[in-house]
């Protein structure tokens, strides 16, 4: 007979698998197991470090894992991605698990958050993950990024202004937002424009979700 904890994990695994199927994503059993292992670490560290306001494991599957997985198709062509204000690793860790050939860099100013991300990288053996501690304005890397992303990080204009120096010439920003932030779009700095707004349907989540694609204006 399964223990209560085993039954709970089976329920989480089933909800995750159903959501992945609904999103038509091709994730192996190993990748799904890694996502659940990541969730377990998030739950464990959250009791001390307050990485997320969501405490219920089932809600975490929907609000965090599936919410991030819904954005995966927009990243498929990218080889180098930077997650700004990565926090507890959303969407960065989820992207790294779902797209193992992608190099995913994550940056946050809060050391306890990057310590958690470093632990996740080590424990889950995510060799395609690099963690940075500090301000994105001061980050300097040898290679630029195809995509720079954020989830609930900052105003769109600040996000673009602070990290634009790290974006490849033909690269783009992908901001994960709830309701389309019309005011933020209007405040984008000169030289940048929203090229596409993509509505997302997250399984089990009754809330608006959108991806905002931002690129350089032609000169």
Protein backbone atom coordinates (compact mmCIF):
# COMPACT_ATOMS: atom_id res chain seq x y z
CA UNK A 1 0.00 0.00 0.00
CA UNK A 2 1.36 3.41 -0.96
CA UNK A 3 2.13 5.82 1.84
CA UNK A 4 0.38 9.20 1.96
CA UNK A 5 3.56 10.89 0.68
CA UNK A 6 3.85 8.44 -2.21
CA UNK A 7 0.21 8.99 -3.08
CA UNK A 8 0.76 12.76 -3.06
CA UNK A 9 3.76 12.43 -5.37
CA UNK A 10 1.77 10.19 -7.70
CA UNK A 11 -0.94 12.85 -7.86
CA UNK A 12 1.60 15.58 -8.63
CA UNK A 13 3.19 13.38 -11.30
CA UNK A 14 -0.21 12.70 -12.87
CA UNK A 15 -1.19 16.39 -12.96
CA UNK A 16 2.17 17.28 -14.46
CA UNK A 17 1.95 14.52 -17.09
CA UNK A 18 -1.60 15.51 -18.03
CA UNK A 19 -0.55 19.15 -18.37
CA UNK A 20 2.45 18.25 -20.52
CA UNK A 21 0.19 16.18 -22.78
CA UNK A 22 -2.30 19.07 -23.04
CA UNK A 23 0.56 21.39 -24.03
CA UNK A 24 1.69 18.81 -26.66
CA UNK A 25 5.24 18.83 -25.31
CA UNK A 26 7.54 15.87 -25.89
CA UNK A 27 9.17 15.36 -22.50
CA UNK A 28 10.61 12.01 -21.45
CA UNK A 29 9.84 10.26 -18.18
CA UNK A 30 13.32 11.28 -17.02
CA UNK A 31 12.62 14.95 -17.76
CA UNK A 32 9.31 14.77 -15.94
CA UNK A 33 11.05 13.14 -12.97
CA UNK A 34 13.62 15.97 -12.97
CA UNK A 35 10.82 18.55 -12.90
CA UNK A 36 9.32 16.81 -9.86
CA UNK A 37 12.75 16.62 -8.21
CA UNK A 38 13.12 20.36 -8.80
CA UNK A 39 9.68 20.92 -7.27
CA UNK A 40 10.70 18.91 -4.19
CA UNK A 41 13.80 21.08 -3.76
CA UNK A 42 11.73 24.24 -4.20
CA UNK A 43 9.32 23.04 -1.52
CA UNK A 44 12.16 22.15 0.85
CA UNK A 45 14.11 25.40 0.47
CA UNK A 46 10.96 27.53 0.47
CA UNK A 47 10.34 26.77 4.13
CA UNK A 48 13.52 28.68 5.01
CA UNK A 49 14.26 31.01 2.09
CA UNK A 50 10.75 32.09 1.02
CA UNK A 51 11.45 31.59 -2.69
CA UNK A 52 7.77 31.66 -3.68
CA UNK A 53 4.49 32.74 -2.12
CA UNK A 54 2.84 29.58 -3.46
CA UNK A 55 3.04 26.90 -0.77
CA UNK A 56 0.71 24.15 -1.99
CA UNK A 57 2.56 21.51 -4.07
CA UNK A 58 -0.38 21.01 -6.44
CA UNK A 59 -0.59 24.75 -7.05
CA UNK A 60 3.15 24.81 -7.66
CA UNK A 61 2.74 22.27 -10.46
CA UNK A 62 0.17 24.50 -12.17
CA UNK A 63 1.39 28.00 -11.27
CA UNK A 64 5.10 27.30 -11.67
CA UNK A 65 5.93 24.16 -13.69
CA UNK A 66 3.11 24.19 -16.24
CA UNK A 67 3.10 28.00 -16.38
CA UNK A 68 6.76 27.91 -17.43
CA UNK A 69 6.35 24.86 -19.67
CA UNK A 70 3.60 26.65 -21.64
CA UNK A 71 6.27 29.09 -22.83
CA UNK A 72 8.75 26.42 -23.99
CA UNK A 73 7.75 26.40 -27.70
CA UNK A 74 8.77 30.07 -27.98
CA UNK A 75 12.34 29.15 -26.94
CA UNK A 76 12.88 26.09 -29.15
CA UNK A 77 15.19 27.82 -31.66
CA UNK A 78 17.37 29.45 -28.98
CA UNK A 79 20.78 28.06 -28.03
CA UNK A 80 21.76 30.60 -25.33
CA UNK A 81 19.15 32.00 -22.95
CA UNK A 82 19.48 34.40 -20.01
CA UNK A 83 16.81 34.41 -17.28
CA UNK A 84 16.91 37.79 -15.51
CA UNK A 85 15.69 38.01 -11.92
CA UNK A 86 15.62 34.23 -11.93
CA UNK A 87 14.45 33.93 -8.30
CA UNK A 88 13.59 30.32 -7.63
CA UNK A 89 14.41 29.27 -11.19
CA UNK A 90 11.31 30.08 -13.18
CA UNK A 91 11.37 29.77 -16.09
CA UNK A 92 15.15 29.11 -16.24
CA UNK A 93 15.35 25.71 -14.51
CA UNK A 94 12.23 24.48 -16.31
CA UNK A 95 13.70 25.56 -19.66
CA UNK A 96 17.00 23.82 -18.86
CA UNK A 97 15.19 20.55 -18.10
CA UNK A 98 12.81 20.76 -21.06
CA UNK A 99 15.55 21.80 -23.54
CA UNK A 100 18.77 20.03 -22.46
CA UNK A 101 20.78 21.21 -25.49
CA UNK A 102 20.08 24.85 -24.60
CA UNK A 103 22.60 26.78 -22.50
CA UNK A 104 20.60 28.54 -19.77
CA UNK A 105 22.15 31.32 -17.71
CA UNK A 106 20.31 32.72 -14.69
CA UNK A 107 21.04 35.88 -12.74
CA UNK A 108 19.64 37.30 -9.51
CA UNK A 109 20.89 39.89 -7.05
CA UNK A 110 19.81 37.87 -3.99
CA UNK A 111 22.50 35.45 -2.87
CA UNK A 112 20.14 33.01 -1.13
CA UNK A 113 18.26 32.59 -4.40
CA UNK A 114 21.38 31.95 -6.46
CA UNK A 115 22.60 29.56 -3.73
CA UNK A 116 19.37 27.61 -4.26
CA UNK A 117 19.81 27.65 -8.04
CA UNK A 118 23.40 26.42 -7.66
CA UNK A 119 22.17 23.58 -5.44
CA UNK A 120 19.51 22.64 -8.01
CA UNK A 121 22.14 22.64 -10.77
CA UNK A 122 24.40 20.38 -8.72
CA UNK A 123 21.79 17.99 -7.34
CA UNK A 124 19.94 17.54 -10.64
CA UNK A 125 23.20 17.54 -12.64
CA UNK A 126 22.02 20.25 -15.02
CA UNK A 127 25.27 20.85 -16.85
CA UNK A 128 23.58 23.31 -19.23
CA UNK A 129 22.91 25.76 -16.38
CA UNK A 130 25.12 28.68 -15.31
CA UNK A 131 24.25 30.82 -12.29
CA UNK A 132 25.31 34.45 -11.77
CA UNK A 133 24.91 36.58 -8.63
CA UNK A 134 24.65 40.32 -9.18
CA UNK A 135 22.93 43.03 -11.18
CA UNK A 136 22.23 42.30 -14.83
CA UNK A 137 23.39 45.81 -15.79
CA UNK A 138 26.88 44.82 -14.65
CA UNK A 139 26.95 41.35 -16.20
CA UNK A 140 29.52 40.85 -18.92
CA UNK A 141 29.74 37.60 -20.89
CA UNK A 142 31.97 36.54 -23.77
CA UNK A 143 28.97 35.58 -25.91
CA UNK A 144 25.65 37.38 -26.31
CA UNK A 145 22.28 35.67 -25.80
CA UNK A 146 19.73 34.63 -28.44
CA UNK A 147 16.94 35.18 -25.94
CA UNK A 148 16.75 37.12 -22.69
CA UNK A 149 13.70 36.29 -20.60
CA UNK A 150 12.06 37.22 -17.31
CA UNK A 151 9.00 36.23 -15.34
CA UNK A 152 7.45 38.81 -13.01
CA UNK A 153 10.81 40.59 -12.81
CA UNK A 154 10.36 44.29 -13.57
CA UNK A 155 8.71 46.87 -15.76
CA UNK A 156 9.27 46.00 -19.42
CA UNK A 157 11.22 49.20 -20.06
CA UNK A 158 13.61 48.53 -17.16
CA UNK A 159 14.03 44.90 -18.22
CA UNK A 160 15.06 45.94 -21.73
CA UNK A 161 17.22 48.89 -20.64
CA UNK A 162 19.13 46.92 -18.01
CA UNK A 163 19.90 43.86 -20.12
CA UNK A 164 19.89 45.08 -23.74
CA UNK A 165 23.70 45.08 -23.89
CA UNK A 166 23.66 41.29 -23.50
CA UNK A 167 21.31 40.55 -26.41
CA UNK A 168 22.69 39.30 -29.73
CA UNK A 169 22.03 41.52 -32.74
CA UNK A 170 19.30 39.23 -34.06
CA UNK A 171 18.13 38.20 -30.58
CA UNK A 172 14.90 38.99 -28.80
CA UNK A 173 13.43 39.43 -25.36
CA UNK A 174 10.65 37.12 -24.21
CA UNK A 175 8.83 38.51 -21.18
CA UNK A 176 6.38 36.24 -19.35
CA UNK A 177 3.44 38.41 -18.29
CA UNK A 178 -0.12 38.01 -17.04
CA UNK A 179 -2.49 40.59 -18.52
CA UNK A 180 -0.97 42.45 -21.49
CA UNK A 181 0.81 45.46 -19.88
CA UNK A 182 -0.24 48.21 -22.27
CA UNK A 183 1.35 50.99 -20.18
CA UNK A 184 4.67 49.13 -20.00
CA UNK A 185 4.70 48.64 -23.76
CA UNK A 186 4.13 52.37 -24.25
CA UNK A 187 7.18 53.12 -22.07
CA UNK A 188 9.63 50.97 -24.03
CA UNK A 189 12.84 52.90 -24.72
CA UNK A 190 13.63 54.19 -28.19
CA UNK A 191 14.98 51.54 -30.54
CA UNK A 192 12.86 48.70 -29.17
CA UNK A 193 9.41 47.45 -30.09
CA UNK A 194 7.01 44.63 -29.26
CA UNK A 195 7.06 42.33 -32.28
CA UNK A 196 4.47 39.84 -31.08
CA UNK A 197 2.08 39.17 -28.21
CA UNK A 198 1.38 35.47 -27.70
CA UNK A 199 -1.50 34.38 -25.44
CA UNK A 200 -0.81 31.23 -23.43
CA UNK A 201 -3.27 28.67 -22.12
CA UNK A 202 -1.85 27.03 -19.00
CA UNK A 203 -3.57 23.75 -18.07
CA UNK A 204 -5.48 24.11 -14.81
CA UNK A 205 -4.81 27.84 -14.48
CA UNK A 206 -7.76 30.18 -14.85
CA UNK A 207 -5.78 33.37 -15.44
CA UNK A 208 -4.45 35.39 -18.36
CA UNK A 209 -0.92 34.65 -19.47
CA UNK A 210 0.97 36.24 -22.36
CA UNK A 211 4.44 36.20 -23.87
CA UNK A 212 5.72 39.57 -25.08
CA UNK A 213 8.35 39.37 -27.79
CA UNK A 214 10.54 42.47 -27.94
CA UNK A 215 13.15 43.19 -30.58
CA UNK A 216 15.24 46.01 -31.98
CA UNK A 217 13.60 48.42 -34.38
CA UNK A 218 15.12 48.47 -37.86
CA UNK A 219 17.44 51.43 -38.42
